[in-house]
PDB file of N, CA and C in Angstrom:
ATOM      1  N   UNK A   1     -29.212  52.173  48.162  1.00  0.00           N
ATOM      2  CA  UNK A   1     -29.021  53.585  48.388  1.00  0.00           C
ATOM      3  C   UNK A   1     -27.883  53.764  49.401  1.00  0.00           C
ATOM      4  N   UNK A   2     -26.991  54.687  49.126  1.00  0.00           N
ATOM      5  CA  UNK A   2     -25.856  54.936  50.021  1.00  0.00           C
ATOM      6  C   UNK A   2     -26.307  55.376  51.401  1.00  0.00           C
ATOM      7  N   UNK A   3     -25.423  55.168  52.357  1.00  0.00           N
ATOM      8  CA  UNK A   3     -25.644  55.630  53.720  1.00  0.00           C
ATOM      9  C   UNK A   3     -24.332  56.212  54.228  1.00  0.00           C
ATOM     10  N   UNK A   4     -24.428  57.034  55.259  1.00  0.00           N
ATOM     11  CA  UNK A   4     -23.261  57.765  55.741  1.00  0.00           C
ATOM     12  C   UNK A   4     -23.155  57.683  57.251  1.00  0.00           C
ATOM     13  N   UNK A   5     -21.929  57.501  57.720  1.00  0.00           N
ATOM     14  CA  UNK A   5     -21.627  57.725  59.133  1.00  0.00           C
ATOM     15  C   UNK A   5     -21.187  59.165  59.219  1.00  0.00           C
ATOM     16  N   UNK A   6     -21.722  59.879  60.170  1.00  0.00           N
ATOM     17  CA  UNK A   6     -21.247  61.222  60.496  1.00  0.00           C
ATOM     18  C   UNK A   6     -20.778  61.138  61.937  1.00  0.00           C
ATOM     19  N   UNK A   7     -19.492  61.363  62.136  1.00  0.00           N
ATOM     20  CA  UNK A   7     -18.909  61.223  63.467  1.00  0.00           C
ATOM     21  C   UNK A   7     -18.239  62.525  63.883  1.00  0.00           C
ATOM     22  N   UNK A   8     -18.436  62.871  65.127  1.00  0.00           N
ATOM     23  CA  UNK A   8     -17.761  64.016  65.737  1.00  0.00           C
ATOM     24  C   UNK A   8     -16.964  63.447  66.906  1.00  0.00           C
ATOM     25  N   UNK A   9     -15.673  63.713  66.915  1.00  0.00           N
ATOM     26  CA  UNK A   9     -14.771  63.073  67.864  1.00  0.00           C
ATOM     27  C   UNK A   9     -13.887  64.113  68.530  1.00  0.00           C
ATOM     28  N   UNK A  10     -13.782  64.026  69.840  1.00  0.00           N
ATOM     29  CA  UNK A  10     -12.811  64.811  70.593  1.00  0.00           C
ATOM     30  C   UNK A  10     -11.889  63.818  71.282  1.00  0.00           C
ATOM     31  N   UNK A  11     -10.657  63.750  70.817  1.00  0.00           N
ATOM     32  CA  UNK A  11      -9.678  62.816  71.366  1.00  0.00           C
ATOM     33  C   UNK A  11      -9.127  63.387  72.672  1.00  0.00           C
ATOM     34  N   UNK A  12      -9.200  62.591  73.723  1.00  0.00           N
ATOM     35  CA  UNK A  12      -8.704  63.023  75.033  1.00  0.00           C
ATOM     36  C   UNK A  12      -7.419  62.309  75.437  1.00  0.00           C
ATOM     37  N   UNK A  13      -7.124  61.187  74.787  1.00  0.00           N
ATOM     38  CA  UNK A  13      -5.903  60.425  75.065  1.00  0.00           C
ATOM     39  C   UNK A  13      -5.367  59.900  73.732  1.00  0.00           C
ATOM     40  N   UNK A  14      -4.505  60.678  73.070  1.00  0.00           N
ATOM     41  CA  UNK A  14      -4.027  60.288  71.740  1.00  0.00           C
ATOM     42  C   UNK A  14      -3.326  58.931  71.701  1.00  0.00           C
ATOM     43  N   UNK A  15      -2.588  58.573  72.735  1.00  0.00           N
ATOM     44  CA  UNK A  15      -1.894  57.288  72.729  1.00  0.00           C
ATOM     45  C   UNK A  15      -2.885  56.127  72.737  1.00  0.00           C
ATOM     46  N   UNK A  16      -3.904  56.204  73.580  1.00  0.00           N
ATOM     47  CA  UNK A  16      -4.918  55.151  73.615  1.00  0.00           C
ATOM     48  C   UNK A  16      -5.752  55.155  72.337  1.00  0.00           C
ATOM     49  N   UNK A  17      -6.041  56.326  71.791  1.00  0.00           N
ATOM     50  CA  UNK A  17      -6.833  56.440  70.571  1.00  0.00           C
ATOM     51  C   UNK A  17      -6.116  55.790  69.382  1.00  0.00           C
ATOM     52  N   UNK A  18      -4.799  55.770  69.425  1.00  0.00           N
ATOM     53  CA  UNK A  18      -4.015  55.133  68.359  1.00  0.00           C
ATOM     54  C   UNK A  18      -4.372  53.649  68.233  1.00  0.00           C
ATOM     55  N   UNK A  19      -4.763  53.012  69.332  1.00  0.00           N
ATOM     56  CA  UNK A  19      -5.198  51.618  69.279  1.00  0.00           C
ATOM     57  C   UNK A  19      -6.455  51.460  68.446  1.00  0.00           C
ATOM     58  N   UNK A  20      -7.385  52.396  68.587  1.00  0.00           N
ATOM     59  CA  UNK A  20      -8.588  52.408  67.757  1.00  0.00           C
ATOM     60  C   UNK A  20      -8.218  52.596  66.289  1.00  0.00           C
ATOM     61  N   UNK A  21      -7.345  53.556  66.032  1.00  0.00           N
ATOM     62  CA  UNK A  21      -6.953  53.859  64.651  1.00  0.00           C
ATOM     63  C   UNK A  21      -6.246  52.676  63.986  1.00  0.00           C
ATOM     64  N   UNK A  22      -5.604  51.846  64.762  1.00  0.00           N
ATOM     65  CA  UNK A  22      -4.929  50.676  64.204  1.00  0.00           C
ATOM     66  C   UNK A  22      -5.920  49.587  63.803  1.00  0.00           C
ATOM     67  N   UNK A  23      -7.046  49.476  64.513  1.00  0.00           N
ATOM     68  CA  UNK A  23      -7.999  48.386  64.269  1.00  0.00           C
ATOM     69  C   UNK A  23      -9.172  48.764  63.366  1.00  0.00           C
ATOM     70  N   UNK A  24      -9.642  49.989  63.432  1.00  0.00           N
ATOM     71  CA  UNK A  24     -10.866  50.381  62.728  1.00  0.00           C
ATOM     72  C   UNK A  24     -10.801  50.223  61.204  1.00  0.00           C
ATOM     73  N   UNK A  25      -9.686  50.514  60.537  1.00  0.00           N
ATOM     74  CA  UNK A  25      -9.686  50.416  59.071  1.00  0.00           C
ATOM     75  C   UNK A  25     -10.100  49.049  58.528  1.00  0.00           C
ATOM     76  N   UNK A  26      -9.786  47.976  59.208  1.00  0.00           N
ATOM     77  CA  UNK A  26     -10.178  46.638  58.730  1.00  0.00           C
ATOM     78  C   UNK A  26     -11.698  46.500  58.699  1.00  0.00           C
ATOM     79  N   UNK A  27     -12.376  47.029  59.697  1.00  0.00           N
ATOM     80  CA  UNK A  27     -13.845  46.970  59.729  1.00  0.00           C
ATOM     81  C   UNK A  27     -14.432  47.790  58.592  1.00  0.00           C
ATOM     82  N   UNK A  28     -13.891  48.982  58.374  1.00  0.00           N
ATOM     83  CA  UNK A  28     -14.413  49.828  57.303  1.00  0.00           C
ATOM     84  C   UNK A  28     -14.198  49.176  55.940  1.00  0.00           C
ATOM     85  N   UNK A  29     -13.024  48.638  55.705  1.00  0.00           N
ATOM     86  CA  UNK A  29     -12.720  47.999  54.420  1.00  0.00           C
ATOM     87  C   UNK A  29     -13.626  46.800  54.166  1.00  0.00           C
ATOM     88  N   UNK A  30     -13.911  46.039  55.193  1.00  0.00           N
ATOM     89  CA  UNK A  30     -14.746  44.841  55.044  1.00  0.00           C
ATOM     90  C   UNK A  30     -16.195  45.169  54.697  1.00  0.00           C
ATOM     91  N   UNK A  31     -16.608  46.413  54.910  1.00  0.00           N
ATOM     92  CA  UNK A  31     -18.008  46.790  54.673  1.00  0.00           C
ATOM     93  C   UNK A  31     -18.156  47.843  53.581  1.00  0.00           C
ATOM     94  N   UNK A  32     -17.139  47.978  52.736  1.00  0.00           N
ATOM     95  CA  UNK A  32     -17.251  48.854  51.568  1.00  0.00           C
ATOM     96  C   UNK A  32     -17.230  50.332  51.869  1.00  0.00           C
ATOM     97  N   UNK A  33     -16.637  50.743  52.977  1.00  0.00           N
ATOM     98  CA  UNK A  33     -16.635  52.153  53.379  1.00  0.00           C
ATOM     99  C   UNK A  33     -15.678  52.974  52.520  1.00  0.00           C
ATOM    100  N   UNK A  34     -16.062  54.222  52.343  1.00  0.00           N
ATOM    101  CA  UNK A  34     -15.214  55.190  51.636  1.00  0.00           C
ATOM    102  C   UNK A  34     -15.246  56.492  52.435  1.00  0.00           C
ATOM    103  N   UNK A  35     -14.076  56.956  52.848  1.00  0.00           N
ATOM    104  CA  UNK A  35     -14.003  58.190  53.633  1.00  0.00           C
ATOM    105  C   UNK A  35     -14.180  59.392  52.722  1.00  0.00           C
ATOM    106  N   UNK A  36     -15.098  60.291  53.107  1.00  0.00           N
ATOM    107  CA  UNK A  36     -15.337  61.524  52.358  1.00  0.00           C
ATOM    108  C   UNK A  36     -14.717  62.720  53.073  1.00  0.00           C
ATOM    109  N   UNK A  37     -14.654  62.661  54.378  1.00  0.00           N
ATOM    110  CA  UNK A  37     -13.997  63.703  55.192  1.00  0.00           C
ATOM    111  C   UNK A  37     -13.428  63.005  56.411  1.00  0.00           C
ATOM    112  N   UNK A  38     -12.237  63.442  56.819  1.00  0.00           N
ATOM    113  CA  UNK A  38     -11.590  62.744  57.922  1.00  0.00           C
ATOM    114  C   UNK A  38     -10.664  63.683  58.683  1.00  0.00           C
ATOM    115  N   UNK A  39     -11.253  64.477  59.561  1.00  0.00           N
ATOM    116  CA  UNK A  39     -10.462  65.261  60.502  1.00  0.00           C
ATOM    117  C   UNK A  39      -9.680  66.412  59.932  1.00  0.00           C
ATOM    118  N   UNK A  40     -10.002  66.860  58.724  1.00  0.00           N
ATOM    119  CA  UNK A  40      -9.288  67.999  58.156  1.00  0.00           C
ATOM    120  C   UNK A  40      -9.754  69.310  58.761  1.00  0.00           C
ATOM    121  N   UNK A  41      -9.269  70.409  58.213  1.00  0.00           N
ATOM    122  CA  UNK A  41      -9.689  71.721  58.716  1.00  0.00           C
ATOM    123  C   UNK A  41     -11.217  71.858  58.676  1.00  0.00           C
ATOM    124  N   UNK A  42     -11.767  72.492  59.695  1.00  0.00           N
ATOM    125  CA  UNK A  42     -13.220  72.681  59.756  1.00  0.00           C
ATOM    126  C   UNK A  42     -13.527  74.000  60.450  1.00  0.00           C
ATOM    127  N   UNK A  43     -14.752  74.443  60.280  1.00  0.00           N
ATOM    128  CA  UNK A  43     -15.218  75.682  60.895  1.00  0.00           C
ATOM    129  C   UNK A  43     -16.595  75.425  61.491  1.00  0.00           C
ATOM    130  N   UNK A  44     -16.742  75.629  62.779  1.00  0.00           N
ATOM    131  CA  UNK A  44     -18.029  75.452  63.446  1.00  0.00           C
ATOM    132  C   UNK A  44     -18.845  76.727  63.241  1.00  0.00           C
ATOM    133  N   UNK A  45     -20.014  76.585  62.633  1.00  0.00           N
ATOM    134  CA  UNK A  45     -20.891  77.729  62.398  1.00  0.00           C
ATOM    135  C   UNK A  45     -21.978  77.833  63.458  1.00  0.00           C
ATOM    136  N   UNK A  46     -22.400  76.688  63.990  1.00  0.00           N
ATOM    137  CA  UNK A  46     -23.389  76.650  65.067  1.00  0.00           C
ATOM    138  C   UNK A  46     -23.087  75.458  65.949  1.00  0.00           C
ATOM    139  N   UNK A  47     -23.410  75.558  67.208  1.00  0.00           N
ATOM    140  CA  UNK A  47     -23.238  74.435  68.123  1.00  0.00           C
ATOM    141  C   UNK A  47     -21.862  74.422  68.776  1.00  0.00           C
ATOM    142  N   UNK A  48     -21.613  73.368  69.538  1.00  0.00           N
ATOM    143  CA  UNK A  48     -20.364  73.291  70.306  1.00  0.00           C
ATOM    144  C   UNK A  48     -19.150  73.040  69.418  1.00  0.00           C
ATOM    145  N   UNK A  49     -18.019  73.497  69.875  1.00  0.00           N
ATOM    146  CA  UNK A  49     -16.750  73.246  69.191  1.00  0.00           C
ATOM    147  C   UNK A  49     -16.373  71.778  69.381  1.00  0.00           C
ATOM    148  N   UNK A  50     -16.123  71.095  68.303  1.00  0.00           N
ATOM    149  CA  UNK A  50     -15.711  69.694  68.336  1.00  0.00           C
ATOM    150  C   UNK A  50     -14.401  69.589  67.563  1.00  0.00           C
ATOM    151  N   UNK A  51     -13.528  68.696  67.997  1.00  0.00           N
ATOM    152  CA  UNK A  51     -12.185  68.634  67.425  1.00  0.00           C
ATOM    153  C   UNK A  51     -12.097  68.009  66.043  1.00  0.00           C
ATOM    154  N   UNK A  52     -12.803  66.926  65.828  1.00  0.00           N
ATOM    155  CA  UNK A  52     -12.578  66.115  64.627  1.00  0.00           C
ATOM    156  C   UNK A  52     -13.919  65.713  64.035  1.00  0.00           C
ATOM    157  N   UNK A  53     -14.038  65.799  62.723  1.00  0.00           N
ATOM    158  CA  UNK A  53     -15.275  65.457  62.018  1.00  0.00           C
ATOM    159  C   UNK A  53     -14.951  64.429  60.940  1.00  0.00           C
ATOM    160  N   UNK A  54     -15.775  63.385  60.850  1.00  0.00           N
ATOM    161  CA  UNK A  54     -15.531  62.312  59.897  1.00  0.00           C
ATOM    162  C   UNK A  54     -16.853  61.982  59.190  1.00  0.00           C
ATOM    163  N   UNK A  55     -16.791  61.844  57.871  1.00  0.00           N
ATOM    164  CA  UNK A  55     -17.947  61.410  57.083  1.00  0.00           C
ATOM    165  C   UNK A  55     -17.493  60.203  56.267  1.00  0.00           C
ATOM    166  N   UNK A  56     -18.224  59.094  56.434  1.00  0.00           N
ATOM    167  CA  UNK A  56     -17.874  57.843  55.764  1.00  0.00           C
ATOM    168  C   UNK A  56     -19.085  57.364  54.973  1.00  0.00           C
ATOM    169  N   UNK A  57     -18.876  57.068  53.701  1.00  0.00           N
ATOM    170  CA  UNK A  57     -19.949  56.566  52.844  1.00  0.00           C
ATOM    171  C   UNK A  57     -19.910  55.038  52.810  1.00  0.00           C
ATOM    172  N   UNK A  58     -21.086  54.427  52.890  1.00  0.00           N
ATOM    173  CA  UNK A  58     -21.256  52.982  52.764  1.00  0.00           C
ATOM    174  C   UNK A  58     -22.219  52.707  51.613  1.00  0.00           C
ATOM    175  N   UNK A  59     -22.122  51.525  51.007  1.00  0.00           N
ATOM    176  CA  UNK A  59     -23.043  51.204  49.903  1.00  0.00           C
ATOM    177  C   UNK A  59     -24.518  51.269  50.304  1.00  0.00           C
ATOM    178  N   UNK A  60     -24.842  50.807  51.523  1.00  0.00           N
ATOM    179  CA  UNK A  60     -26.231  50.794  51.983  1.00  0.00           C
ATOM    180  C   UNK A  60     -26.284  51.071  53.486  1.00  0.00           C
ATOM    181  N   UNK A  61     -27.475  51.357  53.957  1.00  0.00           N
ATOM    182  CA  UNK A  61     -27.691  51.534  55.391  1.00  0.00           C
ATOM    183  C   UNK A  61     -27.367  50.237  56.135  1.00  0.00           C
ATOM    184  N   UNK A  62     -27.723  49.104  55.535  1.00  0.00           N
ATOM    185  CA  UNK A  62     -27.426  47.807  56.157  1.00  0.00           C
ATOM    186  C   UNK A  62     -25.917  47.596  56.287  1.00  0.00           C
ATOM    187  N   UNK A  63     -25.149  48.006  55.281  1.00  0.00           N
ATOM    188  CA  UNK A  63     -23.687  47.891  55.359  1.00  0.00           C
ATOM    189  C   UNK A  63     -23.122  48.776  56.471  1.00  0.00           C
ATOM    190  N   UNK A  64     -23.642  49.986  56.597  1.00  0.00           N
ATOM    191  CA  UNK A  64     -23.171  50.894  57.646  1.00  0.00           C
ATOM    192  C   UNK A  64     -23.448  50.313  59.023  1.00  0.00           C
ATOM    193  N   UNK A  65     -24.631  49.779  59.207  1.00  0.00           N
ATOM    194  CA  UNK A  65     -24.995  49.194  60.497  1.00  0.00           C
ATOM    195  C   UNK A  65     -24.194  47.919  60.772  1.00  0.00           C
ATOM    196  N   UNK A  66     -24.016  47.099  59.737  1.00  0.00           N
ATOM    197  CA  UNK A  66     -23.236  45.868  59.899  1.00  0.00           C
ATOM    198  C   UNK A  66     -21.801  46.184  60.291  1.00  0.00           C
ATOM    199  N   UNK A  67     -21.239  47.236  59.745  1.00  0.00           N
ATOM    200  CA  UNK A  67     -19.882  47.636  60.112  1.00  0.00           C
ATOM    201  C   UNK A  67     -19.834  48.006  61.588  1.00  0.00           C
ATOM    202  N   UNK A  68     -20.775  48.838  62.019  1.00  0.00           N
ATOM    203  CA  UNK A  68     -20.786  49.269  63.424  1.00  0.00           C
ATOM    204  C   UNK A  68     -20.933  48.085  64.369  1.00  0.00           C
ATOM    205  N   UNK A  69     -21.743  47.106  63.980  1.00  0.00           N
ATOM    206  CA  UNK A  69     -22.017  45.946  64.825  1.00  0.00           C
ATOM    207  C   UNK A  69     -20.991  44.820  64.683  1.00  0.00           C
ATOM    208  N   UNK A  70     -20.056  44.951  63.757  1.00  0.00           N
ATOM    209  CA  UNK A  70     -19.108  43.865  63.479  1.00  0.00           C
ATOM    210  C   UNK A  70     -18.136  43.635  64.637  1.00  0.00           C
ATOM    211  N   UNK A  71     -17.629  42.417  64.702  1.00  0.00           N
ATOM    212  CA  UNK A  71     -16.638  42.076  65.726  1.00  0.00           C
ATOM    213  C   UNK A  71     -15.398  42.947  65.597  1.00  0.00           C
ATOM    214  N   UNK A  72     -15.011  43.239  64.354  1.00  0.00           N
ATOM    215  CA  UNK A  72     -13.825  44.072  64.128  1.00  0.00           C
ATOM    216  C   UNK A  72     -14.017  45.478  64.695  1.00  0.00           C
ATOM    217  N   UNK A  73     -15.186  46.055  64.448  1.00  0.00           N
ATOM    218  CA  UNK A  73     -15.400  47.418  64.934  1.00  0.00           C
ATOM    219  C   UNK A  73     -15.654  47.448  66.439  1.00  0.00           C
ATOM    220  N   UNK A  74     -16.271  46.410  66.968  1.00  0.00           N
ATOM    221  CA  UNK A  74     -16.436  46.335  68.433  1.00  0.00           C
ATOM    222  C   UNK A  74     -15.065  46.313  69.107  1.00  0.00           C
ATOM    223  N   UNK A  75     -14.120  45.583  68.528  1.00  0.00           N
ATOM    224  CA  UNK A  75     -12.758  45.540  69.079  1.00  0.00           C
ATOM    225  C   UNK A  75     -12.103  46.913  69.001  1.00  0.00           C
ATOM    226  N   UNK A  76     -12.308  47.610  67.887  1.00  0.00           N
ATOM    227  CA  UNK A  76     -11.746  48.957  67.743  1.00  0.00           C
ATOM    228  C   UNK A  76     -12.363  49.907  68.768  1.00  0.00           C
ATOM    229  N   UNK A  77     -13.685  49.830  68.936  1.00  0.00           N
ATOM    230  CA  UNK A  77     -14.357  50.700  69.919  1.00  0.00           C
ATOM    231  C   UNK A  77     -13.846  50.434  71.325  1.00  0.00           C
ATOM    232  N   UNK A  78     -13.569  49.186  71.635  1.00  0.00           N
ATOM    233  CA  UNK A  78     -13.049  48.855  72.965  1.00  0.00           C
ATOM    234  C   UNK A  78     -11.706  49.531  73.196  1.00  0.00           C
ATOM    235  N   UNK A  79     -10.884  49.624  72.164  1.00  0.00           N
ATOM    236  CA  UNK A  79      -9.577  50.280  72.286  1.00  0.00           C
ATOM    237  C   UNK A  79      -9.725  51.791  72.433  1.00  0.00           C
ATOM    238  N   UNK A  80     -10.845  52.333  71.949  1.00  0.00           N
ATOM    239  CA  UNK A  80     -11.104  53.774  72.011  1.00  0.00           C
ATOM    240  C   UNK A  80     -11.707  54.192  73.357  1.00  0.00           C
ATOM    241  N   UNK A  81     -12.235  53.228  74.097  1.00  0.00           N
ATOM    242  CA  UNK A  81     -12.922  53.491  75.370  1.00  0.00           C
ATOM    243  C   UNK A  81     -12.051  54.362  76.279  1.00  0.00           C
ATOM    244  N   UNK A  82     -12.598  55.492  76.708  1.00  0.00           N
ATOM    245  CA  UNK A  82     -11.893  56.402  77.601  1.00  0.00           C
ATOM    246  C   UNK A  82     -10.863  57.287  76.917  1.00  0.00           C
ATOM    247  N   UNK A  83     -10.683  57.124  75.610  1.00  0.00           N
ATOM    248  CA  UNK A  83      -9.674  57.891  74.880  1.00  0.00           C
ATOM    249  C   UNK A  83     -10.270  59.029  74.061  1.00  0.00           C
ATOM    250  N   UNK A  84     -11.620  59.063  73.977  1.00  0.00           N
ATOM    251  CA  UNK A  84     -12.264  60.087  73.157  1.00  0.00           C
ATOM    252  C   UNK A  84     -13.735  60.203  73.528  1.00  0.00           C
ATOM    253  N   UNK A  85     -14.279  61.374  73.254  1.00  0.00           N
ATOM    254  CA  UNK A  85     -15.715  61.585  73.313  1.00  0.00           C
ATOM    255  C   UNK A  85     -16.198  61.492  71.866  1.00  0.00           C
ATOM    256  N   UNK A  86     -17.166  60.603  71.613  1.00  0.00           N
ATOM    257  CA  UNK A  86     -17.561  60.304  70.237  1.00  0.00           C
ATOM    258  C   UNK A  86     -19.075  60.385  70.091  1.00  0.00           C
ATOM    259  N   UNK A  87     -19.509  60.990  69.009  1.00  0.00           N
ATOM    260  CA  UNK A  87     -20.922  61.033  68.645  1.00  0.00           C
ATOM    261  C   UNK A  87     -21.008  60.539  67.206  1.00  0.00           C
ATOM    262  N   UNK A  88     -21.679  59.408  66.978  1.00  0.00           N
ATOM    263  CA  UNK A  88     -21.785  58.821  65.646  1.00  0.00           C
ATOM    264  C   UNK A  88     -23.261  58.703  65.270  1.00  0.00           C
ATOM    265  N   UNK A  89     -23.577  59.148  64.065  1.00  0.00           N
ATOM    266  CA  UNK A  89     -24.926  59.023  63.514  1.00  0.00           C
ATOM    267  C   UNK A  89     -24.799  58.312  62.177  1.00  0.00           C
ATOM    268  N   UNK A  90     -25.723  57.397  61.891  1.00  0.00           N
ATOM    269  CA  UNK A  90     -25.805  56.762  60.590  1.00  0.00           C
ATOM    270  C   UNK A  90     -27.066  57.308  59.916  1.00  0.00           C
ATOM    271  N   UNK A  91     -26.908  57.795  58.698  1.00  0.00           N
ATOM    272  CA  UNK A  91     -28.040  58.383  57.980  1.00  0.00           C
ATOM    273  C   UNK A  91     -28.067  57.848  56.546  1.00  0.00           C
ATOM    274  N   UNK A  92     -29.265  57.539  56.060  1.00  0.00           N
ATOM    275  CA  UNK A  92     -29.409  57.065  54.699  1.00  0.00           C
ATOM    276  C   UNK A  92     -29.357  58.258  53.733  1.00  0.00           C
ATOM    277  N   UNK A  93     -28.688  58.054  52.608  1.00  0.00           N
ATOM    278  CA  UNK A  93     -28.592  59.102  51.587  1.00  0.00           C
ATOM    279  C   UNK A  93     -29.882  59.246  50.807  1.00  0.00           C
ATOM    280  N   UNK A  94     -29.909  60.226  49.950  1.00  0.00           N
ATOM    281  CA  UNK A  94     -31.063  60.485  49.099  1.00  0.00           C
ATOM    282  C   UNK A  94     -30.950  59.681  47.809  1.00  0.00           C
ATOM    283  N   UNK A  95     -32.077  59.324  47.208  1.00  0.00           N
ATOM    284  CA  UNK A  95     -32.023  58.606  45.942  1.00  0.00           C
ATOM    285  C   UNK A  95     -31.418  59.473  44.841  1.00  0.00           C
ATOM    286  N   UNK A  96     -30.796  58.789  43.885  1.00  0.00           N
ATOM    287  CA  UNK A  96     -30.308  59.461  42.693  1.00  0.00           C
ATOM    288  C   UNK A  96     -29.013  60.090  42.880  1.00  0.00           C
TER     289      UNK A  96
END
């Protein structure tokens, strides 16, 4: 069953965040990720204003978790440290 990362990101240091953007794609590719939404236009209907919204589909919940825990993604997160405020949730999709 598919699983999804839902991330809300506010970039505070674009130059440092570029280091994350350079490394993260390798981790996503290695775990079968497919981007469904990635920072395009958005409208907040409830809750706080957040700058960037990302939805990533993975083949399974285990794949999504393995990506987050991978050495490649840990390296990307280290490059993002102090460059953004990030909230990431992994959620399993519905059957069918």
